[in-house]
Amino acid sequence: MERHLSSTRRTPPRDTTALRRRPLRLSVRLWWHPYWETVPSVPAARSELRHLARAHGAVRAA
């Protein structure tokens, strides 16, 4: 098992800024998503967000 662990270790990337960009973009998209502007107690908003996410996922998969 030790041999397996050593073979999966990688050297740290040189450009860590590039690794931070995607999570930052995702967090900005989440922060400004219209879902967070709705009243938290409205179940219809949550179900609409699920519906939009599924529809968007289906479009991406096609």
PDB file of N, CA and C in Angstrom:
ATOM      1  N   MET A   1       0.824  -1.195   0.000  1.00  0.00           N
ATOM      2  CA  MET A   1       0.000   0.000   0.000  1.00  0.00           C
ATOM      3  C   MET A   1       0.865   1.254   0.000  1.00  0.00           C
ATOM      4  N   GLU A   2       1.996   1.203   0.620  1.00  0.00           N
ATOM      5  CA  GLU A   2       2.881   2.366   0.648  1.00  0.00           C
ATOM      6  C   GLU A   2       3.316   2.751  -0.761  1.00  0.00           C
ATOM      7  N   ARG A   3       3.576   1.761  -1.604  1.00  0.00           N
ATOM      8  CA  ARG A   3       3.984   2.045  -2.970  1.00  0.00           C
ATOM      9  C   ARG A   3       2.873   2.778  -3.723  1.00  0.00           C
ATOM     10  N   HIS A   4       1.639   2.368  -3.484  1.00  0.00           N
ATOM     11  CA  HIS A   4       0.496   3.010  -4.143  1.00  0.00           C
ATOM     12  C   HIS A   4       0.381   4.476  -3.738  1.00  0.00           C
ATOM     13  N   LEU A   5       0.544   4.765  -2.454  1.00  0.00           N
ATOM     14  CA  LEU A   5       0.434   6.139  -1.984  1.00  0.00           C
ATOM     15  C   LEU A   5       1.517   7.024  -2.581  1.00  0.00           C
ATOM     16  N   SER A   6       2.714   6.509  -2.653  1.00  0.00           N
ATOM     17  CA  SER A   6       3.800   7.326  -3.182  1.00  0.00           C
ATOM     18  C   SER A   6       3.614   7.599  -4.675  1.00  0.00           C
ATOM     19  N   SER A   7       2.969   6.685  -5.397  1.00  0.00           N
ATOM     20  CA  SER A   7       2.773   6.907  -6.829  1.00  0.00           C
ATOM     21  C   SER A   7       1.662   7.908  -7.110  1.00  0.00           C
ATOM     22  N   THR A   8       0.766   8.149  -6.146  1.00  0.00           N
ATOM     23  CA  THR A   8      -0.327   9.099  -6.368  1.00  0.00           C
ATOM     24  C   THR A   8       0.023  10.506  -5.920  1.00  0.00           C
ATOM     25  N   ARG A   9       1.133  10.691  -5.243  1.00  0.00           N
ATOM     26  CA  ARG A   9       1.529  12.030  -4.804  1.00  0.00           C
ATOM     27  C   ARG A   9       1.981  12.833  -6.011  1.00  0.00           C
ATOM     28  N   ARG A  10       1.635  14.086  -5.995  1.00  0.00           N
ATOM     29  CA  ARG A  10       1.994  14.957  -7.102  1.00  0.00           C
ATOM     30  C   ARG A  10       2.773  16.146  -6.591  1.00  0.00           C
ATOM     31  N   THR A  11       3.533  16.731  -7.456  1.00  0.00           N
ATOM     32  CA  THR A  11       4.249  17.943  -7.075  1.00  0.00           C
ATOM     33  C   THR A  11       3.264  19.094  -7.057  1.00  0.00           C
ATOM     34  N   PRO A  12       3.455  20.043  -6.178  1.00  0.00           N
ATOM     35  CA  PRO A  12       2.517  21.171  -6.122  1.00  0.00           C
ATOM     36  C   PRO A  12       2.581  21.993  -7.412  1.00  0.00           C
ATOM     37  N   PRO A  13       1.453  22.486  -7.865  1.00  0.00           N
ATOM     38  CA  PRO A  13       1.448  23.272  -9.098  1.00  0.00           C
ATOM     39  C   PRO A  13       2.178  24.591  -8.902  1.00  0.00           C
ATOM     40  N   ARG A  14       2.716  25.101  -9.969  1.00  0.00           N
ATOM     41  CA  ARG A  14       3.439  26.373  -9.888  1.00  0.00           C
ATOM     42  C   ARG A  14       2.482  27.549  -9.775  1.00  0.00           C
ATOM     43  N   ASP A  15       1.387  27.482 -10.524  1.00  0.00           N
ATOM     44  CA  ASP A  15       0.453  28.608 -10.573  1.00  0.00           C
ATOM     45  C   ASP A  15      -0.787  28.301  -9.743  1.00  0.00           C
ATOM     46  N   THR A  16      -0.731  28.624  -8.476  1.00  0.00           N
ATOM     47  CA  THR A  16      -1.878  28.337  -7.611  1.00  0.00           C
ATOM     48  C   THR A  16      -3.039  29.292  -7.877  1.00  0.00           C
ATOM     49  N   THR A  17      -2.758  30.427  -8.513  1.00  0.00           N
ATOM     50  CA  THR A  17      -3.832  31.364  -8.843  1.00  0.00           C
ATOM     51  C   THR A  17      -4.834  30.715  -9.788  1.00  0.00           C
ATOM     52  N   ALA A  18      -4.347  29.959 -10.739  1.00  0.00           N
ATOM     53  CA  ALA A  18      -5.237  29.288 -11.685  1.00  0.00           C
ATOM     54  C   ALA A  18      -6.142  28.294 -10.969  1.00  0.00           C
ATOM     55  N   LEU A  19      -5.627  27.660  -9.922  1.00  0.00           N
ATOM     56  CA  LEU A  19      -6.445  26.708  -9.168  1.00  0.00           C
ATOM     57  C   LEU A  19      -7.527  27.398  -8.345  1.00  0.00           C
ATOM     58  N   ARG A  20      -7.307  28.647  -7.982  1.00  0.00           N
ATOM     59  CA  ARG A  20      -8.294  29.377  -7.185  1.00  0.00           C
ATOM     60  C   ARG A  20      -9.376  30.020  -8.034  1.00  0.00           C
ATOM     61  N   ARG A  21      -9.130  30.199  -9.308  1.00  0.00           N
ATOM     62  CA  ARG A  21     -10.080  30.940 -10.143  1.00  0.00           C
ATOM     63  C   ARG A  21     -11.428  30.256 -10.266  1.00  0.00           C
ATOM     64  N   ARG A  22     -11.457  28.958 -10.518  1.00  0.00           N
ATOM     65  CA  ARG A  22     -12.741  28.270 -10.706  1.00  0.00           C
ATOM     66  C   ARG A  22     -13.602  28.307  -9.451  1.00  0.00           C
ATOM     67  N   PRO A  23     -13.080  27.958  -8.269  1.00  0.00           N
ATOM     68  CA  PRO A  23     -13.927  28.069  -7.079  1.00  0.00           C
ATOM     69  C   PRO A  23     -14.394  29.496  -6.810  1.00  0.00           C
ATOM     70  N   LEU A  24     -13.580  30.473  -7.123  1.00  0.00           N
ATOM     71  CA  LEU A  24     -14.010  31.861  -6.944  1.00  0.00           C
ATOM     72  C   LEU A  24     -15.141  32.209  -7.892  1.00  0.00           C
ATOM     73  N   ARG A  25     -15.029  31.779  -9.150  1.00  0.00           N
ATOM     74  CA  ARG A  25     -16.124  32.035 -10.100  1.00  0.00           C
ATOM     75  C   ARG A  25     -17.408  31.367  -9.645  1.00  0.00           C
ATOM     76  N   LEU A  26     -17.301  30.123  -9.171  1.00  0.00           N
ATOM     77  CA  LEU A  26     -18.494  29.417  -8.701  1.00  0.00           C
ATOM     78  C   LEU A  26     -19.112  30.105  -7.489  1.00  0.00           C
ATOM     79  N   SER A  27     -18.275  30.569  -6.580  1.00  0.00           N
ATOM     80  CA  SER A  27     -18.820  31.220  -5.386  1.00  0.00           C
ATOM     81  C   SER A  27     -19.506  32.536  -5.753  1.00  0.00           C
ATOM     82  N   VAL A  28     -18.972  33.254  -6.734  1.00  0.00           N
ATOM     83  CA  VAL A  28     -19.624  34.487  -7.185  1.00  0.00           C
ATOM     84  C   VAL A  28     -20.965  34.183  -7.826  1.00  0.00           C
ATOM     85  N   ARG A  29     -21.004  33.119  -8.647  1.00  0.00           N
ATOM     86  CA  ARG A  29     -22.277  32.738  -9.267  1.00  0.00           C
ATOM     87  C   ARG A  29     -23.310  32.350  -8.216  1.00  0.00           C
ATOM     88  N   LEU A  30     -22.865  31.635  -7.193  1.00  0.00           N
ATOM     89  CA  LEU A  30     -23.792  31.268  -6.117  1.00  0.00           C
ATOM     90  C   LEU A  30     -24.262  32.491  -5.353  1.00  0.00           C
ATOM     91  N   TRP A  31     -23.343  33.389  -5.052  1.00  0.00           N
ATOM     92  CA  TRP A  31     -23.672  34.591  -4.270  1.00  0.00           C
ATOM     93  C   TRP A  31     -24.725  35.432  -4.979  1.00  0.00           C
ATOM     94  N   TRP A  32     -24.619  35.611  -6.292  1.00  0.00           N
ATOM     95  CA  TRP A  32     -25.520  36.487  -7.019  1.00  0.00           C
ATOM     96  C   TRP A  32     -26.693  35.754  -7.662  1.00  0.00           C
ATOM     97  N   HIS A  33     -26.857  34.466  -7.383  1.00  0.00           N
ATOM     98  CA  HIS A  33     -27.973  33.723  -7.963  1.00  0.00           C
ATOM     99  C   HIS A  33     -29.295  34.263  -7.417  1.00  0.00           C
ATOM    100  N   PRO A  34     -30.341  34.364  -8.253  1.00  0.00           N
ATOM    101  CA  PRO A  34     -31.637  34.896  -7.809  1.00  0.00           C
ATOM    102  C   PRO A  34     -32.276  34.098  -6.672  1.00  0.00           C
ATOM    103  N   TYR A  35     -31.899  32.854  -6.500  1.00  0.00           N
ATOM    104  CA  TYR A  35     -32.467  32.045  -5.427  1.00  0.00           C
ATOM    105  C   TYR A  35     -32.288  32.709  -4.071  1.00  0.00           C
ATOM    106  N   TRP A  36     -31.149  33.322  -3.855  1.00  0.00           N
ATOM    107  CA  TRP A  36     -30.853  33.887  -2.538  1.00  0.00           C
ATOM    108  C   TRP A  36     -31.612  35.180  -2.272  1.00  0.00           C
ATOM    109  N   GLU A  37     -32.261  35.745  -3.305  1.00  0.00           N
ATOM    110  CA  GLU A  37     -33.066  36.944  -3.113  1.00  0.00           C
ATOM    111  C   GLU A  37     -34.494  36.604  -2.691  1.00  0.00           C
ATOM    112  N   THR A  38     -34.882  35.348  -2.784  1.00  0.00           N
ATOM    113  CA  THR A  38     -36.236  34.945  -2.429  1.00  0.00           C
ATOM    114  C   THR A  38     -36.350  34.760  -0.917  1.00  0.00           C
ATOM    115  N   VAL A  39     -37.567  34.725  -0.455  1.00  0.00           N
ATOM    116  CA  VAL A  39     -37.828  34.482   0.952  1.00  0.00           C
ATOM    117  C   VAL A  39     -37.479  33.023   1.256  1.00  0.00           C
ATOM    118  N   PRO A  40     -36.682  32.755   2.300  1.00  0.00           N
ATOM    119  CA  PRO A  40     -36.238  31.391   2.559  1.00  0.00           C
ATOM    120  C   PRO A  40     -37.357  30.399   2.844  1.00  0.00           C
ATOM    121  N   SER A  41     -38.506  30.872   3.263  1.00  0.00           N
ATOM    122  CA  SER A  41     -39.561  29.942   3.640  1.00  0.00           C
ATOM    123  C   SER A  41     -40.476  29.570   2.467  1.00  0.00           C
ATOM    124  N   VAL A  42     -40.138  29.991   1.278  1.00  0.00           N
ATOM    125  CA  VAL A  42     -40.985  29.714   0.118  1.00  0.00           C
ATOM    126  C   VAL A  42     -40.494  28.440  -0.574  1.00  0.00           C
ATOM    127  N   PRO A  43     -41.216  27.315  -0.386  1.00  0.00           N
ATOM    128  CA  PRO A  43     -40.774  26.065  -1.013  1.00  0.00           C
ATOM    129  C   PRO A  43     -40.828  26.119  -2.539  1.00  0.00           C
ATOM    130  N   ALA A  44     -41.698  26.940  -3.099  1.00  0.00           N
ATOM    131  CA  ALA A  44     -41.804  27.019  -4.549  1.00  0.00           C
ATOM    132  C   ALA A  44     -40.508  27.533  -5.166  1.00  0.00           C
ATOM    133  N   ALA A  45     -39.825  28.427  -4.485  1.00  0.00           N
ATOM    134  CA  ALA A  45     -38.558  28.956  -5.001  1.00  0.00           C
ATOM    135  C   ALA A  45     -37.508  27.862  -5.050  1.00  0.00           C
ATOM    136  N   ARG A  46     -37.469  27.036  -4.024  1.00  0.00           N
ATOM    137  CA  ARG A  46     -36.493  25.944  -4.010  1.00  0.00           C
ATOM    138  C   ARG A  46     -36.791  24.944  -5.118  1.00  0.00           C
ATOM    139  N   SER A  47     -38.064  24.619  -5.296  1.00  0.00           N
ATOM    140  CA  SER A  47     -38.402  23.651  -6.335  1.00  0.00           C
ATOM    141  C   SER A  47     -38.155  24.246  -7.720  1.00  0.00           C
ATOM    142  N   GLU A  48     -38.373  25.541  -7.891  1.00  0.00           N
ATOM    143  CA  GLU A  48     -38.083  26.191  -9.171  1.00  0.00           C
ATOM    144  C   GLU A  48     -36.581  26.166  -9.454  1.00  0.00           C
ATOM    145  N   LEU A  49     -35.767  26.394  -8.433  1.00  0.00           N
ATOM    146  CA  LEU A  49     -34.323  26.335  -8.609  1.00  0.00           C
ATOM    147  C   LEU A  49     -33.885  24.926  -9.006  1.00  0.00           C
ATOM    148  N   ARG A  50     -34.460  23.906  -8.376  1.00  0.00           N
ATOM    149  CA  ARG A  50     -34.147  22.521  -8.749  1.00  0.00           C
ATOM    150  C   ARG A  50     -34.538  22.259 -10.194  1.00  0.00           C
ATOM    151  N   HIS A  51     -35.725  22.747 -10.574  1.00  0.00           N
ATOM    152  CA  HIS A  51     -36.201  22.552 -11.935  1.00  0.00           C
ATOM    153  C   HIS A  51     -35.256  23.215 -12.941  1.00  0.00           C
ATOM    154  N   LEU A  52     -34.834  24.441 -12.653  1.00  0.00           N
ATOM    155  CA  LEU A  52     -33.912  25.144 -13.544  1.00  0.00           C
ATOM    156  C   LEU A  52     -32.566  24.430 -13.629  1.00  0.00           C
ATOM    157  N   ALA A  53     -32.091  23.941 -12.496  1.00  0.00           N
ATOM    158  CA  ALA A  53     -30.805  23.244 -12.483  1.00  0.00           C
ATOM    159  C   ALA A  53     -30.877  21.944 -13.291  1.00  0.00           C
ATOM    160  N   ARG A  54     -31.969  21.225 -13.158  1.00  0.00           N
ATOM    161  CA  ARG A  54     -32.122  19.983 -13.926  1.00  0.00           C
ATOM    162  C   ARG A  54     -32.236  20.281 -15.420  1.00  0.00           C
ATOM    163  N   ALA A  55     -32.988  21.320 -15.755  1.00  0.00           N
ATOM    164  CA  ALA A  55     -33.140  21.677 -17.169  1.00  0.00           C
ATOM    165  C   ALA A  55     -31.802  22.111 -17.741  1.00  0.00           C
ATOM    166  N   HIS A  56     -31.043  22.864 -16.986  1.00  0.00           N
ATOM    167  CA  HIS A  56     -29.729  23.320 -17.437  1.00  0.00           C
ATOM    168  C   HIS A  56     -28.781  22.128 -17.581  1.00  0.00           C
ATOM    169  N   GLY A  57     -28.852  21.198 -16.666  1.00  0.00           N
ATOM    170  CA  GLY A  57     -28.016  19.989 -16.739  1.00  0.00           C
ATOM    171  C   GLY A  57     -28.368  19.146 -17.950  1.00  0.00           C
ATOM    172  N   ALA A  58     -29.656  19.062 -18.261  1.00  0.00           N
ATOM    173  CA  ALA A  58     -30.089  18.270 -19.416  1.00  0.00           C
ATOM    174  C   ALA A  58     -29.606  18.919 -20.699  1.00  0.00           C
ATOM    175  N   VAL A  59     -29.591  20.230 -20.744  1.00  0.00           N
ATOM    176  CA  VAL A  59     -29.121  20.939 -21.927  1.00  0.00           C
ATOM    177  C   VAL A  59     -27.618  20.721 -22.085  1.00  0.00           C
ATOM    178  N   ARG A  60     -26.885  20.791 -20.985  1.00  0.00           N
ATOM    179  CA  ARG A  60     -25.434  20.594 -21.046  1.00  0.00           C
ATOM    180  C   ARG A  60     -25.084  19.175 -21.477  1.00  0.00           C
ATOM    181  N   ALA A  61     -25.860  18.184 -21.022  1.00  0.00           N
ATOM    182  CA  ALA A  61     -25.560  16.788 -21.345  1.00  0.00           C
ATOM    183  C   ALA A  61     -25.854  16.483 -22.812  1.00  0.00           C
ATOM    184  N   ALA A  62     -26.774  17.223 -23.405  1.00  0.00           N
ATOM    185  CA  ALA A  62     -27.157  16.954 -24.805  1.00  0.00           C
ATOM    186  C   ALA A  62     -26.153  17.477 -25.796  1.00  0.00           C
TER     187      ALA A  62
END
